[in-house]
Amino acid sequence: MIVYKVLELVQYDNVQEYVSATAVTDIYYIAYKYLKDKELVRQLLKKLMGIVSIAAVSEKEIEEALELAWNDFEDSVQYAAALLNEMDGIVTRNPKDYKRADMKVK
């Protein structure tokens, strides 16, 4: 699965991985929907946080996302968080959603 391949990249010295703060709530929701165990989901999120860092989503990121006026607001928030945190790229299951991005998208 591609998620494992992406998470394995963190083992390289020049790779730092992030998820946005808003994505963490999505991950919790999806994991709980399938696992039905809050403690297990919390433990999974703690493990994830040991691998990746959390990119804040503040008023500034939301304002930038609103200015983008993309069709999918959630994608624009993810992009704004990456852009304002000077990240090199985005890894997503839907690269076509980021056609207007000015960074690498895989």
PDB file of N, CA and C in Angstrom:
ATOM      1  N   MET A   1       0.844  -1.182   0.000  1.00  0.00           N
ATOM      2  CA  MET A   1       0.000   0.000   0.000  1.00  0.00           C
ATOM      3  C   MET A   1       0.888   1.242   0.000  1.00  0.00           C
ATOM      4  N   ILE A   2       0.472   2.256  -0.716  1.00  0.00           N
ATOM      5  CA  ILE A   2       1.291   3.459  -0.891  1.00  0.00           C
ATOM      6  C   ILE A   2       1.562   4.189   0.426  1.00  0.00           C
ATOM      7  N   VAL A   3       0.647   4.122   1.376  1.00  0.00           N
ATOM      8  CA  VAL A   3       0.847   4.815   2.659  1.00  0.00           C
ATOM      9  C   VAL A   3       2.117   4.312   3.334  1.00  0.00           C
ATOM     10  N   TYR A   4       2.333   3.002   3.310  1.00  0.00           N
ATOM     11  CA  TYR A   4       3.530   2.448   3.937  1.00  0.00           C
ATOM     12  C   TYR A   4       4.789   2.935   3.224  1.00  0.00           C
ATOM     13  N   LYS A   5       4.749   2.989   1.897  1.00  0.00           N
ATOM     14  CA  LYS A   5       5.906   3.451   1.135  1.00  0.00           C
ATOM     15  C   LYS A   5       6.231   4.902   1.469  1.00  0.00           C
ATOM     16  N   VAL A   6       5.211   5.717   1.598  1.00  0.00           N
ATOM     17  CA  VAL A   6       5.420   7.128   1.942  1.00  0.00           C
ATOM     18  C   VAL A   6       6.008   7.244   3.341  1.00  0.00           C
ATOM     19  N   LEU A   7       5.450   6.517   4.287  1.00  0.00           N
ATOM     20  CA  LEU A   7       5.944   6.604   5.666  1.00  0.00           C
ATOM     21  C   LEU A   7       7.377   6.069   5.790  1.00  0.00           C
ATOM     22  N   GLU A   8       7.756   5.124   4.937  1.00  0.00           N
ATOM     23  CA  GLU A   8       9.121   4.603   4.969  1.00  0.00           C
ATOM     24  C   GLU A   8      10.150   5.641   4.535  1.00  0.00           C
ATOM     25  N   LEU A   9       9.745   6.651   3.792  1.00  0.00           N
ATOM     26  CA  LEU A   9      10.671   7.679   3.319  1.00  0.00           C
ATOM     27  C   LEU A   9      11.303   8.463   4.459  1.00  0.00           C
ATOM     28  N   VAL A  10      10.654   8.490   5.604  1.00  0.00           N
ATOM     29  CA  VAL A  10      11.155   9.258   6.737  1.00  0.00           C
ATOM     30  C   VAL A  10      12.509   8.728   7.232  1.00  0.00           C
ATOM     31  N   GLN A  11      12.854   7.507   6.850  1.00  0.00           N
ATOM     32  CA  GLN A  11      14.128   6.944   7.283  1.00  0.00           C
ATOM     33  C   GLN A  11      15.335   7.640   6.640  1.00  0.00           C
ATOM     34  N   TYR A  12      15.093   8.386   5.581  1.00  0.00           N
ATOM     35  CA  TYR A  12      16.174   9.118   4.928  1.00  0.00           C
ATOM     36  C   TYR A  12      16.393  10.464   5.621  1.00  0.00           C
ATOM     37  N   ASP A  13      17.633  10.844   5.774  1.00  0.00           N
ATOM     38  CA  ASP A  13      17.979  12.064   6.503  1.00  0.00           C
ATOM     39  C   ASP A  13      17.383  13.331   5.899  1.00  0.00           C
ATOM     40  N   ASN A  14      17.200  13.356   4.594  1.00  0.00           N
ATOM     41  CA  ASN A  14      16.737  14.583   3.946  1.00  0.00           C
ATOM     42  C   ASN A  14      15.214  14.640   3.787  1.00  0.00           C
ATOM     43  N   VAL A  15      14.493  13.742   4.433  1.00  0.00           N
ATOM     44  CA  VAL A  15      13.033  13.706   4.299  1.00  0.00           C
ATOM     45  C   VAL A  15      12.383  13.962   5.653  1.00  0.00           C
ATOM     46  N   GLN A  16      11.531  14.960   5.683  1.00  0.00           N
ATOM     47  CA  GLN A  16      10.701  15.243   6.864  1.00  0.00           C
ATOM     48  C   GLN A  16       9.262  15.204   6.384  1.00  0.00           C
ATOM     49  N   GLU A  17       8.444  14.399   7.016  1.00  0.00           N
ATOM     50  CA  GLU A  17       7.062  14.245   6.595  1.00  0.00           C
ATOM     51  C   GLU A  17       6.118  14.956   7.552  1.00  0.00           C
ATOM     52  N   TYR A  18       5.067  15.519   6.981  1.00  0.00           N
ATOM     53  CA  TYR A  18       4.063  16.245   7.745  1.00  0.00           C
ATOM     54  C   TYR A  18       2.671  15.797   7.335  1.00  0.00           C
ATOM     55  N   VAL A  19       1.753  15.917   8.250  1.00  0.00           N
ATOM     56  CA  VAL A  19       0.327  15.876   7.934  1.00  0.00           C
ATOM     57  C   VAL A  19      -0.243  17.155   8.537  1.00  0.00           C
ATOM     58  N   SER A  20      -1.274  17.660   7.905  1.00  0.00           N
ATOM     59  CA  SER A  20      -1.862  18.885   8.449  1.00  0.00           C
ATOM     60  C   SER A  20      -2.689  18.547   9.686  1.00  0.00           C
ATOM     61  N   ALA A  21      -2.850  19.534  10.527  1.00  0.00           N
ATOM     62  CA  ALA A  21      -3.660  19.343  11.735  1.00  0.00           C
ATOM     63  C   ALA A  21      -5.076  18.914  11.373  1.00  0.00           C
ATOM     64  N   THR A  22      -5.595  19.448  10.275  1.00  0.00           N
ATOM     65  CA  THR A  22      -6.957  19.063   9.871  1.00  0.00           C
ATOM     66  C   THR A  22      -7.014  17.626   9.390  1.00  0.00           C
ATOM     67  N   ALA A  23      -5.930  17.126   8.816  1.00  0.00           N
ATOM     68  CA  ALA A  23      -5.903  15.733   8.355  1.00  0.00           C
ATOM     69  C   ALA A  23      -5.937  14.760   9.533  1.00  0.00           C
ATOM     70  N   VAL A  24      -5.384  15.158  10.663  1.00  0.00           N
ATOM     71  CA  VAL A  24      -5.379  14.278  11.835  1.00  0.00           C
ATOM     72  C   VAL A  24      -6.809  13.953  12.271  1.00  0.00           C
ATOM     73  N   THR A  25      -7.682  14.931  12.233  1.00  0.00           N
ATOM     74  CA  THR A  25      -9.076  14.652  12.613  1.00  0.00           C
ATOM     75  C   THR A  25      -9.735  13.731  11.588  1.00  0.00           C
ATOM     76  N   ASP A  26      -9.385  13.897  10.314  1.00  0.00           N
ATOM     77  CA  ASP A  26      -9.920  12.997   9.288  1.00  0.00           C
ATOM     78  C   ASP A  26      -9.427  11.569   9.497  1.00  0.00           C
ATOM     79  N   ILE A  27      -8.143  11.439   9.815  1.00  0.00           N
ATOM     80  CA  ILE A  27      -7.563  10.115  10.061  1.00  0.00           C
ATOM     81  C   ILE A  27      -8.243   9.457  11.254  1.00  0.00           C
ATOM     82  N   TYR A  28      -8.454  10.226  12.310  1.00  0.00           N
ATOM     83  CA  TYR A  28      -9.134   9.678  13.484  1.00  0.00           C
ATOM     84  C   TYR A  28     -10.528   9.178  13.100  1.00  0.00           C
ATOM     85  N   TYR A  29     -11.281  10.001  12.391  1.00  0.00           N
ATOM     86  CA  TYR A  29     -12.649   9.648  12.000  1.00  0.00           C
ATOM     87  C   TYR A  29     -12.679   8.359  11.172  1.00  0.00           C
ATOM     88  N   ILE A  30     -11.808   8.281  10.171  1.00  0.00           N
ATOM     89  CA  ILE A  30     -11.790   7.105   9.294  1.00  0.00           C
ATOM     90  C   ILE A  30     -11.343   5.860  10.058  1.00  0.00           C
ATOM     91  N   ALA A  31     -10.300   5.995  10.860  1.00  0.00           N
ATOM     92  CA  ALA A  31      -9.807   4.846  11.627  1.00  0.00           C
ATOM     93  C   ALA A  31     -10.867   4.347  12.607  1.00  0.00           C
ATOM     94  N   TYR A  32     -11.540   5.268  13.284  1.00  0.00           N
ATOM     95  CA  TYR A  32     -12.566   4.857  14.241  1.00  0.00           C
ATOM     96  C   TYR A  32     -13.757   4.195  13.543  1.00  0.00           C
ATOM     97  N   LYS A  33     -14.084   4.694  12.379  1.00  0.00           N
ATOM     98  CA  LYS A  33     -15.191   4.125  11.601  1.00  0.00           C
ATOM     99  C   LYS A  33     -14.954   2.639  11.332  1.00  0.00           C
ATOM    100  N   TYR A  34     -13.698   2.269  11.085  1.00  0.00           N
ATOM    101  CA  TYR A  34     -13.377   0.877  10.781  1.00  0.00           C
ATOM    102  C   TYR A  34     -13.015   0.057  12.016  1.00  0.00           C
ATOM    103  N   LEU A  35     -12.342   0.664  12.974  1.00  0.00           N
ATOM    104  CA  LEU A  35     -11.848  -0.088  14.126  1.00  0.00           C
ATOM    105  C   LEU A  35     -12.824  -0.118  15.305  1.00  0.00           C
ATOM    106  N   LYS A  36     -13.664   0.892  15.435  1.00  0.00           N
ATOM    107  CA  LYS A  36     -14.646   0.984  16.530  1.00  0.00           C
ATOM    108  C   LYS A  36     -14.010   0.845  17.913  1.00  0.00           C
ATOM    109  N   ASP A  37     -12.798   1.366  18.056  1.00  0.00           N
ATOM    110  CA  ASP A  37     -12.076   1.264  19.325  1.00  0.00           C
ATOM    111  C   ASP A  37     -11.285   2.559  19.520  1.00  0.00           C
ATOM    112  N   LYS A  38     -11.794   3.457  20.363  1.00  0.00           N
ATOM    113  CA  LYS A  38     -11.171   4.762  20.545  1.00  0.00           C
ATOM    114  C   LYS A  38      -9.742   4.665  21.055  1.00  0.00           C
ATOM    115  N   GLU A  39      -9.491   3.766  21.986  1.00  0.00           N
ATOM    116  CA  GLU A  39      -8.144   3.633  22.535  1.00  0.00           C
ATOM    117  C   GLU A  39      -7.167   3.153  21.466  1.00  0.00           C
ATOM    118  N   LEU A  40      -7.572   2.210  20.652  1.00  0.00           N
ATOM    119  CA  LEU A  40      -6.713   1.718  19.570  1.00  0.00           C
ATOM    120  C   LEU A  40      -6.422   2.839  18.572  1.00  0.00           C
ATOM    121  N   VAL A  41      -7.425   3.626  18.237  1.00  0.00           N
ATOM    122  CA  VAL A  41      -7.232   4.736  17.306  1.00  0.00           C
ATOM    123  C   VAL A  41      -6.292   5.771  17.911  1.00  0.00           C
ATOM    124  N   ARG A  42      -6.440   6.077  19.185  1.00  0.00           N
ATOM    125  CA  ARG A  42      -5.523   7.020  19.837  1.00  0.00           C
ATOM    126  C   ARG A  42      -4.083   6.502  19.788  1.00  0.00           C
ATOM    127  N   GLN A  43      -3.912   5.215  20.033  1.00  0.00           N
ATOM    128  CA  GLN A  43      -2.573   4.631  19.976  1.00  0.00           C
ATOM    129  C   GLN A  43      -1.988   4.708  18.562  1.00  0.00           C
ATOM    130  N   LEU A  44      -2.821   4.463  17.561  1.00  0.00           N
ATOM    131  CA  LEU A  44      -2.361   4.567  16.172  1.00  0.00           C
ATOM    132  C   LEU A  44      -1.934   5.990  15.838  1.00  0.00           C
ATOM    133  N   LEU A  45      -2.722   6.968  16.295  1.00  0.00           N
ATOM    134  CA  LEU A  45      -2.360   8.366  16.044  1.00  0.00           C
ATOM    135  C   LEU A  45      -1.066   8.745  16.761  1.00  0.00           C
ATOM    136  N   LYS A  46      -0.872   8.236  17.968  1.00  0.00           N
ATOM    137  CA  LYS A  46       0.375   8.502  18.686  1.00  0.00           C
ATOM    138  C   LYS A  46       1.566   7.921  17.933  1.00  0.00           C
ATOM    139  N   LYS A  47       1.399   6.720  17.373  1.00  0.00           N
ATOM    140  CA  LYS A  47       2.471   6.118  16.568  1.00  0.00           C
ATOM    141  C   LYS A  47       2.739   6.956  15.323  1.00  0.00           C
ATOM    142  N   LEU A  48       1.670   7.406  14.672  1.00  0.00           N
ATOM    143  CA  LEU A  48       1.836   8.244  13.487  1.00  0.00           C
ATOM    144  C   LEU A  48       2.604   9.508  13.835  1.00  0.00           C
ATOM    145  N   MET A  49       2.281  10.128  14.966  1.00  0.00           N
ATOM    146  CA  MET A  49       2.958  11.348  15.381  1.00  0.00           C
ATOM    147  C   MET A  49       4.430  11.107  15.715  1.00  0.00           C
ATOM    148  N   GLY A  50       4.790   9.867  15.983  1.00  0.00           N
ATOM    149  CA  GLY A  50       6.190   9.525  16.188  1.00  0.00           C
ATOM    150  C   GLY A  50       6.959   9.442  14.873  1.00  0.00           C
ATOM    151  N   ILE A  51       6.225   9.401  13.766  1.00  0.00           N
ATOM    152  CA  ILE A  51       6.833   9.283  12.439  1.00  0.00           C
ATOM    153  C   ILE A  51       6.785  10.607  11.689  1.00  0.00           C
ATOM    154  N   VAL A  52       5.665  11.297  11.783  1.00  0.00           N
ATOM    155  CA  VAL A  52       5.468  12.544  11.030  1.00  0.00           C
ATOM    156  C   VAL A  52       5.271  13.710  11.991  1.00  0.00           C
ATOM    157  N   SER A  53       5.455  14.892  11.469  1.00  0.00           N
ATOM    158  CA  SER A  53       5.174  16.104  12.237  1.00  0.00           C
ATOM    159  C   SER A  53       3.810  16.638  11.828  1.00  0.00           C
ATOM    160  N   ILE A  54       3.257  17.496  12.650  1.00  0.00           N
ATOM    161  CA  ILE A  54       1.948  18.081  12.377  1.00  0.00           C
ATOM    162  C   ILE A  54       2.147  19.518  11.900  1.00  0.00           C
ATOM    163  N   ALA A  55       1.605  19.809  10.722  1.00  0.00           N
ATOM    164  CA  ALA A  55       1.642  21.180  10.198  1.00  0.00           C
ATOM    165  C   ALA A  55       0.386  21.895  10.670  1.00  0.00           C
ATOM    166  N   ALA A  56       0.582  23.016  11.315  1.00  0.00           N
ATOM    167  CA  ALA A  56      -0.544  23.777  11.844  1.00  0.00           C
ATOM    168  C   ALA A  56      -1.422  24.315  10.722  1.00  0.00           C
ATOM    169  N   VAL A  57      -2.693  24.421  11.023  1.00  0.00           N
ATOM    170  CA  VAL A  57      -3.633  25.091  10.129  1.00  0.00           C
ATOM    171  C   VAL A  57      -4.241  26.216  10.949  1.00  0.00           C
ATOM    172  N   SER A  58      -3.820  27.410  10.596  1.00  0.00           N
ATOM    173  CA  SER A  58      -4.258  28.590  11.338  1.00  0.00           C
ATOM    174  C   SER A  58      -5.117  29.476  10.438  1.00  0.00           C
ATOM    175  N   GLU A  59      -5.435  30.620  10.952  1.00  0.00           N
ATOM    176  CA  GLU A  59      -6.212  31.588  10.180  1.00  0.00           C
ATOM    177  C   GLU A  59      -5.509  31.932   8.865  1.00  0.00           C
ATOM    178  N   LYS A  60      -4.204  32.013   8.911  1.00  0.00           N
ATOM    179  CA  LYS A  60      -3.428  32.356   7.720  1.00  0.00           C
ATOM    180  C   LYS A  60      -3.610  31.306   6.618  1.00  0.00           C
ATOM    181  N   GLU A  61      -3.552  30.030   6.977  1.00  0.00           N
ATOM    182  CA  GLU A  61      -3.736  28.960   5.993  1.00  0.00           C
ATOM    183  C   GLU A  61      -5.153  28.967   5.433  1.00  0.00           C
ATOM    184  N   ILE A  62      -6.127  29.203   6.300  1.00  0.00           N
ATOM    185  CA  ILE A  62      -7.525  29.253   5.848  1.00  0.00           C
ATOM    186  C   ILE A  62      -7.737  30.433   4.900  1.00  0.00           C
ATOM    187  N   GLU A  63      -7.181  31.580   5.232  1.00  0.00           N
ATOM    188  CA  GLU A  63      -7.304  32.746   4.356  1.00  0.00           C
ATOM    189  C   GLU A  63      -6.679  32.470   2.989  1.00  0.00           C
ATOM    190  N   GLU A  64      -5.505  31.856   2.993  1.00  0.00           N
ATOM    191  CA  GLU A  64      -4.840  31.509   1.728  1.00  0.00           C
ATOM    192  C   GLU A  64      -5.691  30.521   0.931  1.00  0.00           C
ATOM    193  N   ALA A  65      -6.255  29.541   1.591  1.00  0.00           N
ATOM    194  CA  ALA A  65      -7.104  28.551   0.917  1.00  0.00           C
ATOM    195  C   ALA A  65      -8.331  29.215   0.300  1.00  0.00           C
ATOM    196  N   LEU A  66      -8.904  30.166   1.001  1.00  0.00           N
ATOM    197  CA  LEU A  66     -10.067  30.879   0.469  1.00  0.00           C
ATOM    198  C   LEU A  66      -9.694  31.697  -0.770  1.00  0.00           C
ATOM    199  N   GLU A  67      -8.502  32.261  -0.783  1.00  0.00           N
ATOM    200  CA  GLU A  67      -8.043  33.032  -1.945  1.00  0.00           C
ATOM    201  C   GLU A  67      -7.801  32.146  -3.156  1.00  0.00           C
ATOM    202  N   LEU A  68      -7.438  30.894  -2.931  1.00  0.00           N
ATOM    203  CA  LEU A  68      -7.194  29.976  -4.040  1.00  0.00           C
ATOM    204  C   LEU A  68      -8.467  29.699  -4.836  1.00  0.00           C
ATOM    205  N   ALA A  69      -9.588  29.657  -4.148  1.00  0.00           N
ATOM    206  CA  ALA A  69     -10.888  29.414  -4.783  1.00  0.00           C
ATOM    207  C   ALA A  69     -10.902  28.116  -5.593  1.00  0.00           C
ATOM    208  N   TRP A  70     -10.265  27.074  -5.066  1.00  0.00           N
ATOM    209  CA  TRP A  70     -10.291  25.766  -5.732  1.00  0.00           C
ATOM    210  C   TRP A  70     -11.659  25.139  -5.539  1.00  0.00           C
ATOM    211  N   ASN A  71     -11.981  24.159  -6.359  1.00  0.00           N
ATOM    212  CA  ASN A  71     -13.263  23.454  -6.248  1.00  0.00           C
ATOM    213  C   ASN A  71     -13.410  22.728  -4.912  1.00  0.00           C
ATOM    214  N   ASP A  72     -12.328  22.122  -4.442  1.00  0.00           N
ATOM    215  CA  ASP A  72     -12.372  21.364  -3.186  1.00  0.00           C
ATOM    216  C   ASP A  72     -11.648  22.157  -2.104  1.00  0.00           C
ATOM    217  N   PHE A  73     -12.410  22.682  -1.157  1.00  0.00           N
ATOM    218  CA  PHE A  73     -11.824  23.525  -0.116  1.00  0.00           C
ATOM    219  C   PHE A  73     -10.816  22.750   0.737  1.00  0.00           C
ATOM    220  N   GLU A  74     -11.116  21.497   1.042  1.00  0.00           N
ATOM    221  CA  GLU A  74     -10.185  20.698   1.849  1.00  0.00           C
ATOM    222  C   GLU A  74      -8.822  20.587   1.164  1.00  0.00           C
ATOM    223  N   ASP A  75      -8.817  20.359  -0.148  1.00  0.00           N
ATOM    224  CA  ASP A  75      -7.557  20.296  -0.887  1.00  0.00           C
ATOM    225  C   ASP A  75      -6.829  21.633  -0.843  1.00  0.00           C
ATOM    226  N   SER A  76      -7.581  22.713  -0.939  1.00  0.00           N
ATOM    227  CA  SER A  76      -6.941  24.025  -0.905  1.00  0.00           C
ATOM    228  C   SER A  76      -6.330  24.314   0.466  1.00  0.00           C
ATOM    229  N   VAL A  77      -6.952  23.821   1.528  1.00  0.00           N
ATOM    230  CA  VAL A  77      -6.370  23.984   2.870  1.00  0.00           C
ATOM    231  C   VAL A  77      -5.082  23.178   2.981  1.00  0.00           C
ATOM    232  N   GLN A  78      -5.097  21.944   2.481  1.00  0.00           N
ATOM    233  CA  GLN A  78      -3.878  21.110   2.520  1.00  0.00           C
ATOM    234  C   GLN A  78      -2.753  21.790   1.740  1.00  0.00           C
ATOM    235  N   TYR A  79      -3.087  22.311   0.572  1.00  0.00           N
ATOM    236  CA  TYR A  79      -2.094  22.991  -0.262  1.00  0.00           C
ATOM    237  C   TYR A  79      -1.573  24.254   0.425  1.00  0.00           C
ATOM    238  N   ALA A  80      -2.472  25.049   0.989  1.00  0.00           N
ATOM    239  CA  ALA A  80      -2.058  26.273   1.676  1.00  0.00           C
ATOM    240  C   ALA A  80      -1.129  25.953   2.846  1.00  0.00           C
ATOM    241  N   ALA A  81      -1.432  24.895   3.580  1.00  0.00           N
ATOM    242  CA  ALA A  81      -0.561  24.500   4.696  1.00  0.00           C
ATOM    243  C   ALA A  81       0.824  24.113   4.183  1.00  0.00           C
ATOM    244  N   ALA A  82       0.870  23.373   3.087  1.00  0.00           N
ATOM    245  CA  ALA A  82       2.159  22.984   2.511  1.00  0.00           C
ATOM    246  C   ALA A  82       2.909  24.195   1.977  1.00  0.00           C
ATOM    247  N   LEU A  83       2.203  25.061   1.295  1.00  0.00           N
ATOM    248  CA  LEU A  83       2.811  26.245   0.694  1.00  0.00           C
ATOM    249  C   LEU A  83       3.370  27.193   1.758  1.00  0.00           C
ATOM    250  N   LEU A  84       2.562  27.510   2.747  1.00  0.00           N
ATOM    251  CA  LEU A  84       2.984  28.467   3.769  1.00  0.00           C
ATOM    252  C   LEU A  84       4.048  27.908   4.707  1.00  0.00           C
ATOM    253  N   ASN A  85       4.155  26.580   4.766  1.00  0.00           N
ATOM    254  CA  ASN A  85       5.208  25.950   5.568  1.00  0.00           C
ATOM    255  C   ASN A  85       6.424  25.592   4.722  1.00  0.00           C
ATOM    256  N   GLU A  86       6.437  26.092   3.472  1.00  0.00           N
ATOM    257  CA  GLU A  86       7.560  25.935   2.547  1.00  0.00           C
ATOM    258  C   GLU A  86       7.958  24.476   2.331  1.00  0.00           C
ATOM    259  N   MET A  87       6.972  23.637   2.145  1.00  0.00           N
ATOM    260  CA  MET A  87       7.226  22.223   1.889  1.00  0.00           C
ATOM    261  C   MET A  87       7.553  22.017   0.411  1.00  0.00           C
ATOM    262  N   ASP A  88       8.250  20.934   0.129  1.00  0.00           N
ATOM    263  CA  ASP A  88       8.679  20.657  -1.241  1.00  0.00           C
ATOM    264  C   ASP A  88       7.589  20.037  -2.099  1.00  0.00           C
ATOM    265  N   GLY A  89       6.637  19.363  -1.475  1.00  0.00           N
ATOM    266  CA  GLY A  89       5.614  18.699  -2.263  1.00  0.00           C
ATOM    267  C   GLY A  89       4.525  18.098  -1.409  1.00  0.00           C
ATOM    268  N   ILE A  90       3.558  17.521  -2.098  1.00  0.00           N
ATOM    269  CA  ILE A  90       2.405  16.892  -1.460  1.00  0.00           C
ATOM    270  C   ILE A  90       2.277  15.479  -2.005  1.00  0.00           C
ATOM    271  N   VAL A  91       1.990  14.528  -1.130  1.00  0.00           N
ATOM    272  CA  VAL A  91       1.664  13.166  -1.537  1.00  0.00           C
ATOM    273  C   VAL A  91       0.183  12.982  -1.252  1.00  0.00           C
ATOM    274  N   THR A  92      -0.557  12.578  -2.278  1.00  0.00           N
ATOM    275  CA  THR A  92      -1.999  12.452  -2.168  1.00  0.00           C
ATOM    276  C   THR A  92      -2.494  11.281  -3.007  1.00  0.00           C
ATOM    277  N   ARG A  93      -3.665  10.786  -2.669  1.00  0.00           N
ATOM    278  CA  ARG A  93      -4.250   9.730  -3.498  1.00  0.00           C
ATOM    279  C   ARG A  93      -4.923  10.319  -4.733  1.00  0.00           C
ATOM    280  N   ASN A  94      -5.083  11.640  -4.773  1.00  0.00           N
ATOM    281  CA  ASN A  94      -5.729  12.318  -5.897  1.00  0.00           C
ATOM    282  C   ASN A  94      -4.876  13.470  -6.431  1.00  0.00           C
ATOM    283  N   PRO A  95      -3.767  13.178  -7.104  1.00  0.00           N
ATOM    284  CA  PRO A  95      -2.923  14.263  -7.615  1.00  0.00           C
ATOM    285  C   PRO A  95      -3.660  15.195  -8.584  1.00  0.00           C
ATOM    286  N   LYS A  96      -4.660  14.698  -9.273  1.00  0.00           N
ATOM    287  CA  LYS A  96      -5.402  15.538 -10.225  1.00  0.00           C
ATOM    288  C   LYS A  96      -6.126  16.684  -9.528  1.00  0.00           C
ATOM    289  N   ASP A  97      -6.371  16.537  -8.228  1.00  0.00           N
ATOM    290  CA  ASP A  97      -7.027  17.602  -7.471  1.00  0.00           C
ATOM    291  C   ASP A  97      -6.112  18.806  -7.251  1.00  0.00           C
ATOM    292  N   TYR A  98      -4.838  18.634  -7.556  1.00  0.00           N
ATOM    293  CA  TYR A  98      -3.852  19.689  -7.311  1.00  0.00           C
ATOM    294  C   TYR A  98      -3.234  20.198  -8.611  1.00  0.00           C
ATOM    295  N   LYS A  99      -4.001  20.217  -9.681  1.00  0.00           N
ATOM    296  CA  LYS A  99      -3.495  20.639 -10.992  1.00  0.00           C
ATOM    297  C   LYS A  99      -2.916  22.045 -10.965  1.00  0.00           C
ATOM    298  N   ARG A 100      -3.460  22.895 -10.128  1.00  0.00           N
ATOM    299  CA  ARG A 100      -3.014  24.298 -10.083  1.00  0.00           C
ATOM    300  C   ARG A 100      -1.909  24.529  -9.049  1.00  0.00           C
ATOM    301  N   ALA A 101      -1.388  23.466  -8.482  1.00  0.00           N
ATOM    302  CA  ALA A 101      -0.345  23.596  -7.456  1.00  0.00           C
ATOM    303  C   ALA A 101       0.987  24.016  -8.067  1.00  0.00           C
ATOM    304  N   ASP A 102       1.718  24.831  -7.331  1.00  0.00           N
ATOM    305  CA  ASP A 102       3.053  25.272  -7.742  1.00  0.00           C
ATOM    306  C   ASP A 102       4.133  24.520  -6.984  1.00  0.00           C
ATOM    307  N   MET A 103       3.897  23.234  -6.766  1.00  0.00           N
ATOM    308  CA  MET A 103       4.884  22.370  -6.115  1.00  0.00           C
ATOM    309  C   MET A 103       4.658  20.953  -6.624  1.00  0.00           C
ATOM    310  N   LYS A 104       5.589  20.068  -6.322  1.00  0.00           N
ATOM    311  CA  LYS A 104       5.451  18.671  -6.739  1.00  0.00           C
ATOM    312  C   LYS A 104       4.253  18.046  -6.045  1.00  0.00           C
ATOM    313  N   VAL A 105       3.509  17.263  -6.792  1.00  0.00           N
ATOM    314  CA  VAL A 105       2.371  16.523  -6.235  1.00  0.00           C
ATOM    315  C   VAL A 105       2.427  15.109  -6.783  1.00  0.00           C
ATOM    316  N   LYS A 106       2.454  14.154  -5.903  1.00  0.00           N
ATOM    317  CA  LYS A 106       2.518  12.735  -6.293  1.00  0.00           C
ATOM    318  C   LYS A 106       1.384  11.988  -5.649  1.00  0.00           C
TER     319      LYS A 106
END
